[in-house]
N, C-alpha and C. Protein backbone atom coordinates (compact mmCIF):
# COMPACT_ATOMS: atom_id res chain seq x y z
N MET A 1 127.94 78.96 103.68
CA MET A 1 126.49 78.72 103.65
C MET A 1 125.77 79.94 104.23
N LYS A 2 124.90 80.55 103.43
CA LYS A 2 124.15 81.71 103.89
C LYS A 2 122.67 81.33 104.01
N ILE A 3 122.13 81.55 105.19
CA ILE A 3 120.74 81.17 105.46
C ILE A 3 119.94 82.40 105.85
N MET A 4 118.82 82.61 105.19
CA MET A 4 117.90 83.70 105.53
C MET A 4 116.74 83.14 106.33
N LEU A 5 116.56 83.67 107.53
CA LEU A 5 115.42 83.30 108.36
C LEU A 5 114.39 84.43 108.29
N ASP A 6 113.16 84.05 108.05
CA ASP A 6 112.08 85.02 107.89
C ASP A 6 110.99 84.72 108.91
N ALA A 7 110.93 85.53 109.96
CA ALA A 7 109.82 85.44 110.91
C ALA A 7 108.64 86.15 110.27
N GLY A 8 107.69 85.38 109.79
CA GLY A 8 106.60 85.93 108.99
C GLY A 8 105.83 87.03 109.69
N HIS A 9 105.40 88.02 108.90
CA HIS A 9 104.55 89.12 109.35
C HIS A 9 105.31 90.06 110.29
N GLY A 10 104.59 90.75 111.18
CA GLY A 10 105.18 91.69 112.11
C GLY A 10 104.29 91.78 113.33
N TYR A 11 104.75 92.49 114.35
CA TYR A 11 103.97 92.60 115.59
C TYR A 11 102.55 93.09 115.34
N ASN A 12 102.41 94.05 114.43
CA ASN A 12 101.12 94.71 114.26
C ASN A 12 100.40 94.35 112.97
N THR A 13 100.80 93.24 112.33
CA THR A 13 100.11 92.82 111.12
C THR A 13 98.65 92.51 111.45
N PRO A 14 97.69 93.15 110.80
CA PRO A 14 96.27 92.91 111.11
C PRO A 14 95.89 91.44 110.93
N GLY A 15 95.15 90.93 111.90
CA GLY A 15 94.60 89.58 111.78
C GLY A 15 95.52 88.44 112.14
N LYS A 16 96.80 88.72 112.30
CA LYS A 16 97.75 87.64 112.56
C LYS A 16 97.92 87.42 114.06
N ARG A 17 96.81 86.97 114.69
CA ARG A 17 96.84 86.71 116.13
C ARG A 17 95.75 85.70 116.48
N SER A 18 95.90 85.10 117.64
CA SER A 18 94.92 84.11 118.11
C SER A 18 93.66 84.83 118.59
N PRO A 19 92.54 84.10 118.76
CA PRO A 19 91.32 84.74 119.26
C PRO A 19 91.51 85.41 120.62
N ASP A 20 92.49 84.96 121.41
CA ASP A 20 92.73 85.60 122.71
C ASP A 20 93.90 86.57 122.69
N GLY A 21 94.35 86.96 121.47
CA GLY A 21 95.30 88.06 121.35
C GLY A 21 96.78 87.73 121.20
N PHE A 22 97.14 86.45 121.14
CA PHE A 22 98.55 86.09 120.95
C PHE A 22 98.95 86.40 119.51
N ARG A 23 100.00 87.21 119.35
CA ARG A 23 100.43 87.63 118.02
C ARG A 23 101.34 86.58 117.39
N GLU A 24 101.04 86.25 116.14
CA GLU A 24 101.83 85.23 115.45
C GLU A 24 103.31 85.57 115.45
N TYR A 25 103.63 86.85 115.25
CA TYR A 25 105.03 87.26 115.16
C TYR A 25 105.80 86.93 116.44
N GLU A 26 105.11 86.92 117.59
CA GLU A 26 105.78 86.59 118.85
C GLU A 26 106.37 85.19 118.78
N PHE A 27 105.63 84.27 118.18
CA PHE A 27 106.14 82.90 118.01
C PHE A 27 107.22 82.87 116.92
N ASN A 28 106.90 83.44 115.78
CA ASN A 28 107.81 83.37 114.63
C ASN A 28 109.19 83.91 114.96
N ARG A 29 109.25 85.08 115.61
CA ARG A 29 110.55 85.71 115.89
C ARG A 29 111.35 84.92 116.91
N GLU A 30 110.67 84.33 117.91
CA GLU A 30 111.39 83.54 118.91
C GLU A 30 112.02 82.31 118.28
N VAL A 31 111.28 81.65 117.41
CA VAL A 31 111.83 80.48 116.72
C VAL A 31 113.02 80.89 115.86
N ALA A 32 112.89 82.00 115.14
CA ALA A 32 114.01 82.48 114.31
C ALA A 32 115.24 82.76 115.17
N CYS A 33 115.04 83.38 116.32
CA CYS A 33 116.18 83.67 117.21
C CYS A 33 116.81 82.39 117.74
N PHE A 34 115.99 81.42 118.10
CA PHE A 34 116.53 80.14 118.58
C PHE A 34 117.31 79.43 117.47
N ILE A 35 116.79 79.46 116.25
CA ILE A 35 117.51 78.83 115.13
C ILE A 35 118.86 79.52 114.93
N ARG A 36 118.84 80.85 114.91
CA ARG A 36 120.10 81.60 114.75
C ARG A 36 121.12 81.19 115.80
N ASP A 37 120.67 81.13 117.05
CA ASP A 37 121.59 80.78 118.14
C ASP A 37 122.10 79.35 118.01
N MET A 38 121.22 78.44 117.63
CA MET A 38 121.63 77.03 117.47
C MET A 38 122.61 76.86 116.31
N LEU A 39 122.43 77.65 115.26
CA LEU A 39 123.35 77.56 114.12
C LEU A 39 124.73 78.10 114.47
N GLY A 40 124.84 78.73 115.63
CA GLY A 40 126.13 79.17 116.12
C GLY A 40 127.10 78.03 116.38
N ASP A 41 126.60 76.81 116.44
CA ASP A 41 127.45 75.63 116.65
C ASP A 41 128.05 75.10 115.36
N PHE A 42 127.71 75.72 114.24
CA PHE A 42 128.16 75.20 112.94
C PHE A 42 129.14 76.15 112.28
N GLU A 43 130.07 75.57 111.53
CA GLU A 43 131.07 76.40 110.87
C GLU A 43 130.62 76.82 109.48
N ASN A 44 131.13 77.97 109.07
CA ASN A 44 130.87 78.51 107.73
C ASN A 44 129.40 78.75 107.46
N VAL A 45 128.67 79.19 108.48
CA VAL A 45 127.25 79.52 108.33
C VAL A 45 127.06 81.00 108.68
N THR A 46 126.43 81.72 107.79
CA THR A 46 126.04 83.10 108.07
C THR A 46 124.52 83.17 108.07
N VAL A 47 123.96 83.75 109.12
CA VAL A 47 122.51 83.84 109.27
C VAL A 47 122.05 85.28 109.10
N TYR A 48 121.03 85.47 108.28
CA TYR A 48 120.42 86.78 108.07
C TYR A 48 118.96 86.72 108.50
N PHE A 49 118.44 87.85 108.92
CA PHE A 49 117.02 87.98 109.22
C PHE A 49 116.35 88.82 108.14
N ALA A 50 115.22 88.34 107.62
CA ALA A 50 114.44 89.11 106.65
C ALA A 50 113.43 90.02 107.33
N HIS A 51 113.22 89.82 108.62
CA HIS A 51 112.21 90.56 109.39
C HIS A 51 112.87 91.61 110.27
N SER A 52 112.05 92.39 110.92
CA SER A 52 112.53 93.43 111.83
C SER A 52 111.54 93.60 112.96
N ASP A 53 112.04 93.84 114.17
CA ASP A 53 111.16 94.10 115.31
C ASP A 53 110.59 95.52 115.25
N LYS A 54 111.13 96.36 114.40
CA LYS A 54 110.71 97.76 114.36
C LYS A 54 109.56 98.01 113.39
N ARG A 55 109.40 97.15 112.39
CA ARG A 55 108.34 97.35 111.41
C ARG A 55 108.03 96.03 110.71
N ASP A 56 106.88 95.97 110.09
CA ASP A 56 106.50 94.80 109.31
C ASP A 56 107.11 94.97 107.92
N VAL A 57 108.21 94.29 107.67
CA VAL A 57 108.92 94.42 106.40
C VAL A 57 108.08 93.83 105.27
N PRO A 58 107.79 94.61 104.21
CA PRO A 58 106.98 94.09 103.10
C PRO A 58 107.63 92.86 102.46
N LEU A 59 106.79 91.98 101.93
CA LEU A 59 107.29 90.74 101.33
C LEU A 59 108.29 91.00 100.21
N VAL A 60 108.03 91.97 99.38
CA VAL A 60 108.94 92.28 98.27
C VAL A 60 110.32 92.63 98.80
N GLU A 61 110.33 93.40 99.87
CA GLU A 61 111.61 93.81 100.47
C GLU A 61 112.36 92.60 101.03
N ARG A 62 111.62 91.69 101.62
CA ARG A 62 112.25 90.49 102.19
C ARG A 62 112.91 89.64 101.10
N THR A 63 112.17 89.39 100.04
CA THR A 63 112.72 88.52 98.99
C THR A 63 113.80 89.24 98.19
N ASP A 64 113.65 90.55 97.97
CA ASP A 64 114.70 91.30 97.28
C ASP A 64 116.01 91.25 98.07
N TYR A 65 115.89 91.37 99.37
CA TYR A 65 117.07 91.33 100.25
C TYR A 65 117.77 89.98 100.16
N ALA A 66 116.98 88.91 100.20
CA ALA A 66 117.55 87.56 100.09
C ALA A 66 118.24 87.36 98.74
N ASN A 67 117.59 87.82 97.69
CA ASN A 67 118.17 87.68 96.35
C ASN A 67 119.43 88.52 96.19
N GLN A 68 119.42 89.71 96.75
CA GLN A 68 120.59 90.59 96.70
C GLN A 68 121.79 89.95 97.40
N LEU A 69 121.53 89.32 98.54
CA LEU A 69 122.61 88.68 99.30
C LEU A 69 123.01 87.33 98.73
N GLN A 70 122.21 86.82 97.81
CA GLN A 70 122.45 85.51 97.20
C GLN A 70 122.59 84.42 98.27
N VAL A 71 121.62 84.40 99.18
CA VAL A 71 121.65 83.37 100.21
C VAL A 71 121.38 82.01 99.58
N ASP A 72 121.77 80.96 100.28
CA ASP A 72 121.61 79.60 99.77
C ASP A 72 120.25 79.00 100.11
N CYS A 73 119.66 79.50 101.18
CA CYS A 73 118.43 78.89 101.67
C CYS A 73 117.58 79.93 102.40
N TYR A 74 116.28 79.87 102.19
CA TYR A 74 115.33 80.81 102.78
C TYR A 74 114.29 80.01 103.55
N VAL A 75 114.18 80.27 104.85
CA VAL A 75 113.20 79.55 105.69
C VAL A 75 112.24 80.56 106.30
N SER A 76 110.98 80.47 105.91
CA SER A 76 109.95 81.37 106.43
C SER A 76 109.17 80.64 107.53
N ILE A 77 109.10 81.26 108.70
CA ILE A 77 108.55 80.61 109.90
C ILE A 77 107.19 81.23 110.24
N HIS A 78 106.19 80.38 110.45
CA HIS A 78 104.83 80.85 110.69
C HIS A 78 104.11 79.97 111.70
N ALA A 79 102.98 80.51 112.19
CA ALA A 79 101.97 79.72 112.91
C ALA A 79 100.68 79.87 112.12
N ASN A 80 99.93 78.81 112.03
CA ASN A 80 98.77 78.74 111.16
C ASN A 80 97.51 79.28 111.83
N ALA A 81 96.45 79.46 111.03
CA ALA A 81 95.15 79.89 111.54
C ALA A 81 94.07 79.30 110.64
N HIS A 82 92.88 79.11 111.21
CA HIS A 82 91.76 78.59 110.42
C HIS A 82 90.47 79.24 110.89
N GLY A 83 89.63 79.61 109.94
CA GLY A 83 88.35 80.20 110.29
C GLY A 83 88.37 81.72 110.22
N SER A 84 87.34 82.32 110.76
CA SER A 84 87.17 83.77 110.62
C SER A 84 87.26 84.50 111.95
N GLY A 85 88.22 84.12 112.77
CA GLY A 85 88.46 84.88 113.99
C GLY A 85 88.19 84.15 115.28
N GLY A 86 87.49 83.02 115.22
CA GLY A 86 87.21 82.27 116.44
C GLY A 86 88.11 81.05 116.58
N TRP A 87 87.84 80.26 117.61
CA TRP A 87 88.60 79.03 117.83
C TRP A 87 88.17 77.97 116.83
N SER A 88 89.09 77.06 116.54
CA SER A 88 88.86 76.03 115.54
C SER A 88 89.48 74.72 116.01
N THR A 89 89.07 73.60 115.42
CA THR A 89 89.68 72.31 115.75
C THR A 89 90.82 71.97 114.79
N ALA A 90 91.06 72.80 113.76
CA ALA A 90 92.16 72.55 112.84
C ALA A 90 93.47 72.48 113.62
N ASN A 91 94.30 71.51 113.27
CA ASN A 91 95.53 71.31 114.05
C ASN A 91 96.64 70.70 113.19
N GLY A 92 97.85 70.76 113.74
CA GLY A 92 98.98 70.11 113.09
C GLY A 92 99.96 71.04 112.41
N ILE A 93 100.95 70.41 111.78
CA ILE A 93 102.08 71.11 111.17
C ILE A 93 102.15 70.77 109.69
N GLU A 94 102.47 71.78 108.88
CA GLU A 94 102.66 71.56 107.45
C GLU A 94 103.79 72.45 106.94
N THR A 95 104.44 71.99 105.89
CA THR A 95 105.56 72.72 105.29
C THR A 95 105.28 72.89 103.80
N PHE A 96 105.55 74.09 103.30
CA PHE A 96 105.23 74.43 101.92
C PHE A 96 106.47 74.65 101.06
N VAL A 97 106.33 74.27 99.80
CA VAL A 97 107.29 74.62 98.74
C VAL A 97 106.48 75.31 97.64
N HIS A 98 107.17 75.91 96.67
CA HIS A 98 106.48 76.54 95.56
C HIS A 98 105.79 75.48 94.70
N CYS A 99 104.77 75.93 93.97
CA CYS A 99 103.99 75.03 93.11
C CYS A 99 104.84 74.29 92.08
N SER A 100 105.96 74.87 91.69
CA SER A 100 106.84 74.22 90.71
C SER A 100 107.62 73.06 91.33
N ARG A 101 107.52 72.91 92.63
CA ARG A 101 108.14 71.81 93.39
C ARG A 101 109.62 71.60 93.07
N PRO A 102 110.45 72.63 93.30
CA PRO A 102 111.89 72.47 93.06
C PRO A 102 112.44 71.29 93.87
N THR A 103 113.31 70.53 93.26
CA THR A 103 113.79 69.29 93.88
C THR A 103 114.42 69.52 95.25
N GLU A 104 115.35 70.48 95.34
CA GLU A 104 116.04 70.71 96.61
C GLU A 104 115.10 71.26 97.68
N ALA A 105 114.19 72.13 97.27
CA ALA A 105 113.22 72.68 98.22
C ALA A 105 112.30 71.57 98.74
N LEU A 106 111.88 70.69 97.86
CA LEU A 106 111.01 69.59 98.26
C LEU A 106 111.73 68.67 99.23
N GLU A 107 112.99 68.41 98.96
CA GLU A 107 113.78 67.57 99.86
C GLU A 107 113.94 68.23 101.23
N LEU A 108 114.24 69.54 101.24
CA LEU A 108 114.38 70.25 102.51
C LEU A 108 113.04 70.27 103.25
N ALA A 109 111.96 70.54 102.55
CA ALA A 109 110.63 70.57 103.18
C ALA A 109 110.30 69.22 103.81
N GLU A 110 110.62 68.15 103.13
CA GLU A 110 110.36 66.81 103.68
C GLU A 110 111.19 66.56 104.92
N ASN A 111 112.45 67.01 104.89
CA ASN A 111 113.32 66.88 106.08
C ASN A 111 112.78 67.70 107.24
N VAL A 112 112.38 68.94 106.97
CA VAL A 112 111.84 69.82 108.01
C VAL A 112 110.56 69.22 108.59
N GLN A 113 109.66 68.81 107.71
CA GLN A 113 108.38 68.26 108.16
C GLN A 113 108.59 67.00 109.02
N ARG A 114 109.45 66.13 108.56
CA ARG A 114 109.72 64.88 109.30
C ARG A 114 110.26 65.18 110.70
N ARG A 115 111.22 66.08 110.77
CA ARG A 115 111.83 66.41 112.07
C ARG A 115 110.82 67.09 113.00
N LEU A 116 110.01 67.99 112.44
CA LEU A 116 109.02 68.68 113.27
C LEU A 116 108.01 67.70 113.86
N ILE A 117 107.55 66.77 113.04
CA ILE A 117 106.57 65.79 113.53
C ILE A 117 107.21 64.87 114.56
N GLU A 118 108.42 64.41 114.30
CA GLU A 118 109.13 63.55 115.26
C GLU A 118 109.32 64.26 116.60
N ASN A 119 109.69 65.53 116.54
CA ASN A 119 110.04 66.25 117.76
C ASN A 119 108.84 66.80 118.52
N THR A 120 107.77 67.18 117.80
CA THR A 120 106.62 67.79 118.49
C THR A 120 105.49 66.81 118.75
N LYS A 121 105.42 65.74 117.96
CA LYS A 121 104.34 64.73 118.04
C LYS A 121 102.98 65.30 117.63
N LEU A 122 102.96 66.43 116.95
CA LEU A 122 101.69 66.98 116.47
C LEU A 122 101.27 66.28 115.17
N LYS A 123 100.03 66.54 114.76
CA LYS A 123 99.48 65.94 113.55
C LYS A 123 100.31 66.33 112.33
N ASN A 124 100.56 65.35 111.47
CA ASN A 124 101.33 65.57 110.24
C ASN A 124 100.38 65.96 109.11
N ARG A 125 100.38 67.23 108.76
CA ARG A 125 99.54 67.72 107.66
C ARG A 125 100.28 67.64 106.32
N GLY A 126 101.55 67.23 106.37
CA GLY A 126 102.28 66.95 105.15
C GLY A 126 103.01 68.13 104.52
N VAL A 127 103.70 67.82 103.43
CA VAL A 127 104.38 68.83 102.61
C VAL A 127 103.43 69.21 101.50
N LYS A 128 103.23 70.50 101.30
CA LYS A 128 102.27 71.01 100.33
C LYS A 128 102.93 72.04 99.42
N ALA A 129 102.27 72.33 98.32
CA ALA A 129 102.76 73.34 97.39
C ALA A 129 101.81 74.52 97.37
N ALA A 130 102.37 75.73 97.27
CA ALA A 130 101.57 76.96 97.22
C ALA A 130 102.35 78.03 96.47
N ASP A 131 101.63 79.04 96.05
CA ASP A 131 102.24 80.13 95.27
C ASP A 131 102.51 81.34 96.17
N PHE A 132 102.97 81.10 97.39
CA PHE A 132 103.29 82.19 98.32
C PHE A 132 104.43 83.04 97.76
N HIS A 133 104.37 84.34 98.02
CA HIS A 133 105.38 85.27 97.49
C HIS A 133 106.80 84.84 97.84
N VAL A 134 107.04 84.47 99.10
CA VAL A 134 108.41 84.15 99.52
C VAL A 134 108.93 82.86 98.89
N LEU A 135 108.04 82.05 98.37
CA LEU A 135 108.46 80.84 97.65
C LEU A 135 108.61 81.11 96.16
N ARG A 136 107.80 82.04 95.66
CA ARG A 136 107.79 82.35 94.23
C ARG A 136 108.90 83.31 93.82
N LYS A 137 109.22 84.29 94.68
CA LYS A 137 110.12 85.37 94.29
C LYS A 137 111.54 85.24 94.83
N THR A 138 111.85 84.13 95.47
CA THR A 138 113.22 83.89 95.94
C THR A 138 113.97 83.10 94.88
N ASN A 139 115.25 83.43 94.72
CA ASN A 139 116.07 82.76 93.71
C ASN A 139 116.83 81.57 94.28
N MET A 140 116.53 81.22 95.52
CA MET A 140 117.23 80.13 96.18
C MET A 140 116.21 79.11 96.70
N THR A 141 116.70 78.03 97.26
CA THR A 141 115.83 77.05 97.90
C THR A 141 115.05 77.73 99.01
N ALA A 142 113.73 77.59 98.99
CA ALA A 142 112.88 78.27 99.96
C ALA A 142 111.76 77.35 100.44
N VAL A 143 111.52 77.39 101.74
CA VAL A 143 110.41 76.65 102.33
C VAL A 143 109.68 77.56 103.31
N LEU A 144 108.40 77.27 103.53
CA LEU A 144 107.60 78.00 104.49
C LEU A 144 106.99 76.98 105.45
N VAL A 145 107.20 77.19 106.74
CA VAL A 145 106.78 76.22 107.75
C VAL A 145 105.65 76.80 108.60
N GLU A 146 104.58 76.02 108.76
CA GLU A 146 103.46 76.37 109.64
C GLU A 146 103.52 75.43 110.83
N CYS A 147 103.90 75.97 111.99
CA CYS A 147 104.26 75.15 113.16
C CYS A 147 103.12 74.93 114.15
N GLY A 148 101.88 74.85 113.68
CA GLY A 148 100.75 74.68 114.58
C GLY A 148 99.76 75.81 114.41
N PHE A 149 98.58 75.65 115.00
CA PHE A 149 97.47 76.59 114.78
C PHE A 149 97.24 77.50 115.97
N MET A 150 97.31 78.82 115.70
CA MET A 150 96.98 79.82 116.71
C MET A 150 95.51 79.79 117.07
N THR A 151 94.69 79.22 116.20
CA THR A 151 93.25 79.19 116.41
C THR A 151 92.80 77.90 117.09
N ASN A 152 93.75 77.07 117.48
CA ASN A 152 93.45 75.84 118.23
C ASN A 152 93.83 76.08 119.69
N LYS A 153 92.89 75.89 120.60
CA LYS A 153 93.13 76.24 122.01
C LYS A 153 94.30 75.48 122.62
N GLU A 154 94.51 74.24 122.21
CA GLU A 154 95.63 73.46 122.75
C GLU A 154 96.95 73.87 122.10
N GLU A 155 96.93 74.05 120.81
CA GLU A 155 98.19 74.36 120.11
C GLU A 155 98.68 75.77 120.40
N VAL A 156 97.77 76.72 120.66
CA VAL A 156 98.24 78.07 120.97
C VAL A 156 98.99 78.08 122.30
N LYS A 157 98.64 77.18 123.21
CA LYS A 157 99.39 77.06 124.46
C LYS A 157 100.83 76.64 124.16
N LEU A 158 100.98 75.71 123.23
CA LEU A 158 102.32 75.28 122.82
C LEU A 158 103.08 76.43 122.16
N LEU A 159 102.42 77.12 121.24
CA LEU A 159 103.06 78.22 120.51
C LEU A 159 103.59 79.28 121.45
N ARG A 160 102.92 79.46 122.58
CA ARG A 160 103.35 80.46 123.57
C ARG A 160 104.55 79.98 124.39
N SER A 161 104.82 78.70 124.40
CA SER A 161 105.81 78.14 125.33
C SER A 161 107.22 78.16 124.77
N ASP A 162 108.14 78.55 125.62
CA ASP A 162 109.56 78.58 125.29
C ASP A 162 110.03 77.20 124.84
N GLU A 163 109.57 76.17 125.52
CA GLU A 163 110.01 74.80 125.21
C GLU A 163 109.59 74.39 123.80
N PHE A 164 108.35 74.69 123.42
CA PHE A 164 107.88 74.32 122.09
C PHE A 164 108.59 75.14 121.02
N GLN A 165 108.82 76.41 121.28
CA GLN A 165 109.55 77.25 120.33
C GLN A 165 110.95 76.68 120.08
N LYS A 166 111.62 76.26 121.15
CA LYS A 166 112.96 75.67 121.02
C LYS A 166 112.89 74.34 120.28
N THR A 167 111.84 73.56 120.54
CA THR A 167 111.67 72.26 119.88
C THR A 167 111.52 72.46 118.37
N CYS A 168 110.71 73.42 117.97
CA CYS A 168 110.54 73.70 116.54
C CYS A 168 111.84 74.18 115.91
N ALA A 169 112.53 75.07 116.61
CA ALA A 169 113.81 75.58 116.11
C ALA A 169 114.81 74.45 115.93
N ASN A 170 114.90 73.57 116.92
CA ASN A 170 115.84 72.46 116.86
C ASN A 170 115.53 71.53 115.69
N ALA A 171 114.25 71.28 115.45
CA ALA A 171 113.86 70.41 114.34
C ALA A 171 114.29 71.01 113.00
N ILE A 172 114.11 72.31 112.85
CA ILE A 172 114.49 72.98 111.61
C ILE A 172 116.01 72.96 111.44
N VAL A 173 116.74 73.17 112.53
CA VAL A 173 118.21 73.12 112.47
C VAL A 173 118.68 71.71 112.11
N GLN A 174 118.05 70.69 112.68
CA GLN A 174 118.40 69.31 112.35
C GLN A 174 118.21 69.05 110.85
N ALA A 175 117.12 69.57 110.30
CA ALA A 175 116.85 69.39 108.87
C ALA A 175 117.89 70.11 108.02
N LEU A 176 118.25 71.33 108.40
CA LEU A 176 119.27 72.08 107.67
C LEU A 176 120.62 71.36 107.74
N GLU A 177 120.94 70.85 108.92
CA GLU A 177 122.20 70.13 109.10
C GLU A 177 122.27 68.92 108.17
N LYS A 178 121.18 68.17 108.11
CA LYS A 178 121.15 66.98 107.25
C LYS A 178 121.18 67.35 105.78
N GLN A 179 120.37 68.33 105.41
CA GLN A 179 120.25 68.72 104.01
C GLN A 179 121.57 69.22 103.44
N TYR A 180 122.28 70.04 104.22
CA TYR A 180 123.48 70.71 103.70
C TYR A 180 124.79 70.18 104.27
N GLY A 181 124.72 69.12 105.06
CA GLY A 181 125.94 68.54 105.61
C GLY A 181 126.71 69.52 106.47
N LEU A 182 125.99 70.33 107.25
CA LEU A 182 126.65 71.34 108.08
C LEU A 182 127.55 70.67 109.12
N GLN A 183 128.68 71.31 109.37
CA GLN A 183 129.65 70.79 110.32
C GLN A 183 129.67 71.66 111.57
N ARG A 184 129.71 71.01 112.72
CA ARG A 184 129.71 71.75 113.99
C ARG A 184 131.09 72.29 114.34
N ASP A 185 131.06 73.26 115.27
CA ASP A 185 132.29 73.72 115.94
C ASP A 185 132.93 75.01 115.49
N ALA A 186 132.24 75.94 115.01
CA ALA A 186 132.86 77.25 114.77
C ALA A 186 131.83 78.33 115.03
N LYS A 187 132.19 79.52 114.73
CA LYS A 187 131.29 80.64 115.00
C LYS A 187 130.45 80.96 113.76
N VAL A 188 129.20 81.31 114.01
CA VAL A 188 128.34 81.78 112.93
C VAL A 188 128.34 83.31 112.97
N HIS A 189 128.23 83.92 111.82
CA HIS A 189 128.20 85.37 111.74
C HIS A 189 126.74 85.81 111.67
N PHE A 190 126.34 86.76 112.49
CA PHE A 190 124.97 87.24 112.53
C PHE A 190 124.87 88.55 111.76
N SER A 191 123.77 88.69 111.05
CA SER A 191 123.51 89.94 110.36
C SER A 191 122.03 90.20 110.36
N ASP A 192 121.60 91.27 111.03
CA ASP A 192 120.19 91.62 111.07
C ASP A 192 119.85 92.49 109.87
N LEU A 193 118.59 92.53 109.54
CA LEU A 193 118.10 93.33 108.42
C LEU A 193 118.43 94.81 108.65
N THR A 194 119.08 95.42 107.67
CA THR A 194 119.43 96.84 107.81
C THR A 194 118.98 97.61 106.57
N ILE A 195 117.72 97.48 106.28
CA ILE A 195 117.18 98.16 105.09
C ILE A 195 116.61 99.51 105.51
């Protein structure tokens, strides 16, 4: 089982930060790292990263890399935003699949969404469809998760917290375990992006 984790955006992506300066990538990358580490408890799982701490990897490069490796599953991790730069009351978690609503992706998205809501107790914004590049240009099952709003004063506190990051990671791992029948007890192989 090959899983591609994509911490959306990069440290310096314009606009991808809270009104008080918290960068979305800080949350996304921590969740990706926690997922990678948690998947270390499962056998026959190889984890790849589509992102890099050194640069904001273009979307085309991310999806080309996943397709080249023929991974089985692509999970893009994000924090949401609403409005034009200020604080907002928009809140909650949502998970996206491509507009064509592939059966396996829809099933995984529903599993991810259910686990995230159960574990975080945040508002359930549901499973939605969108034509995002990482959902459209991947040749494998792909989902994109929005784990709360950076533009919400309460939720950005959660996004900054180690505990919430681990909670989101654990929920996603639980969904992957259920979806793919992953078995515990062996080593996972790590591979960082080397483009």
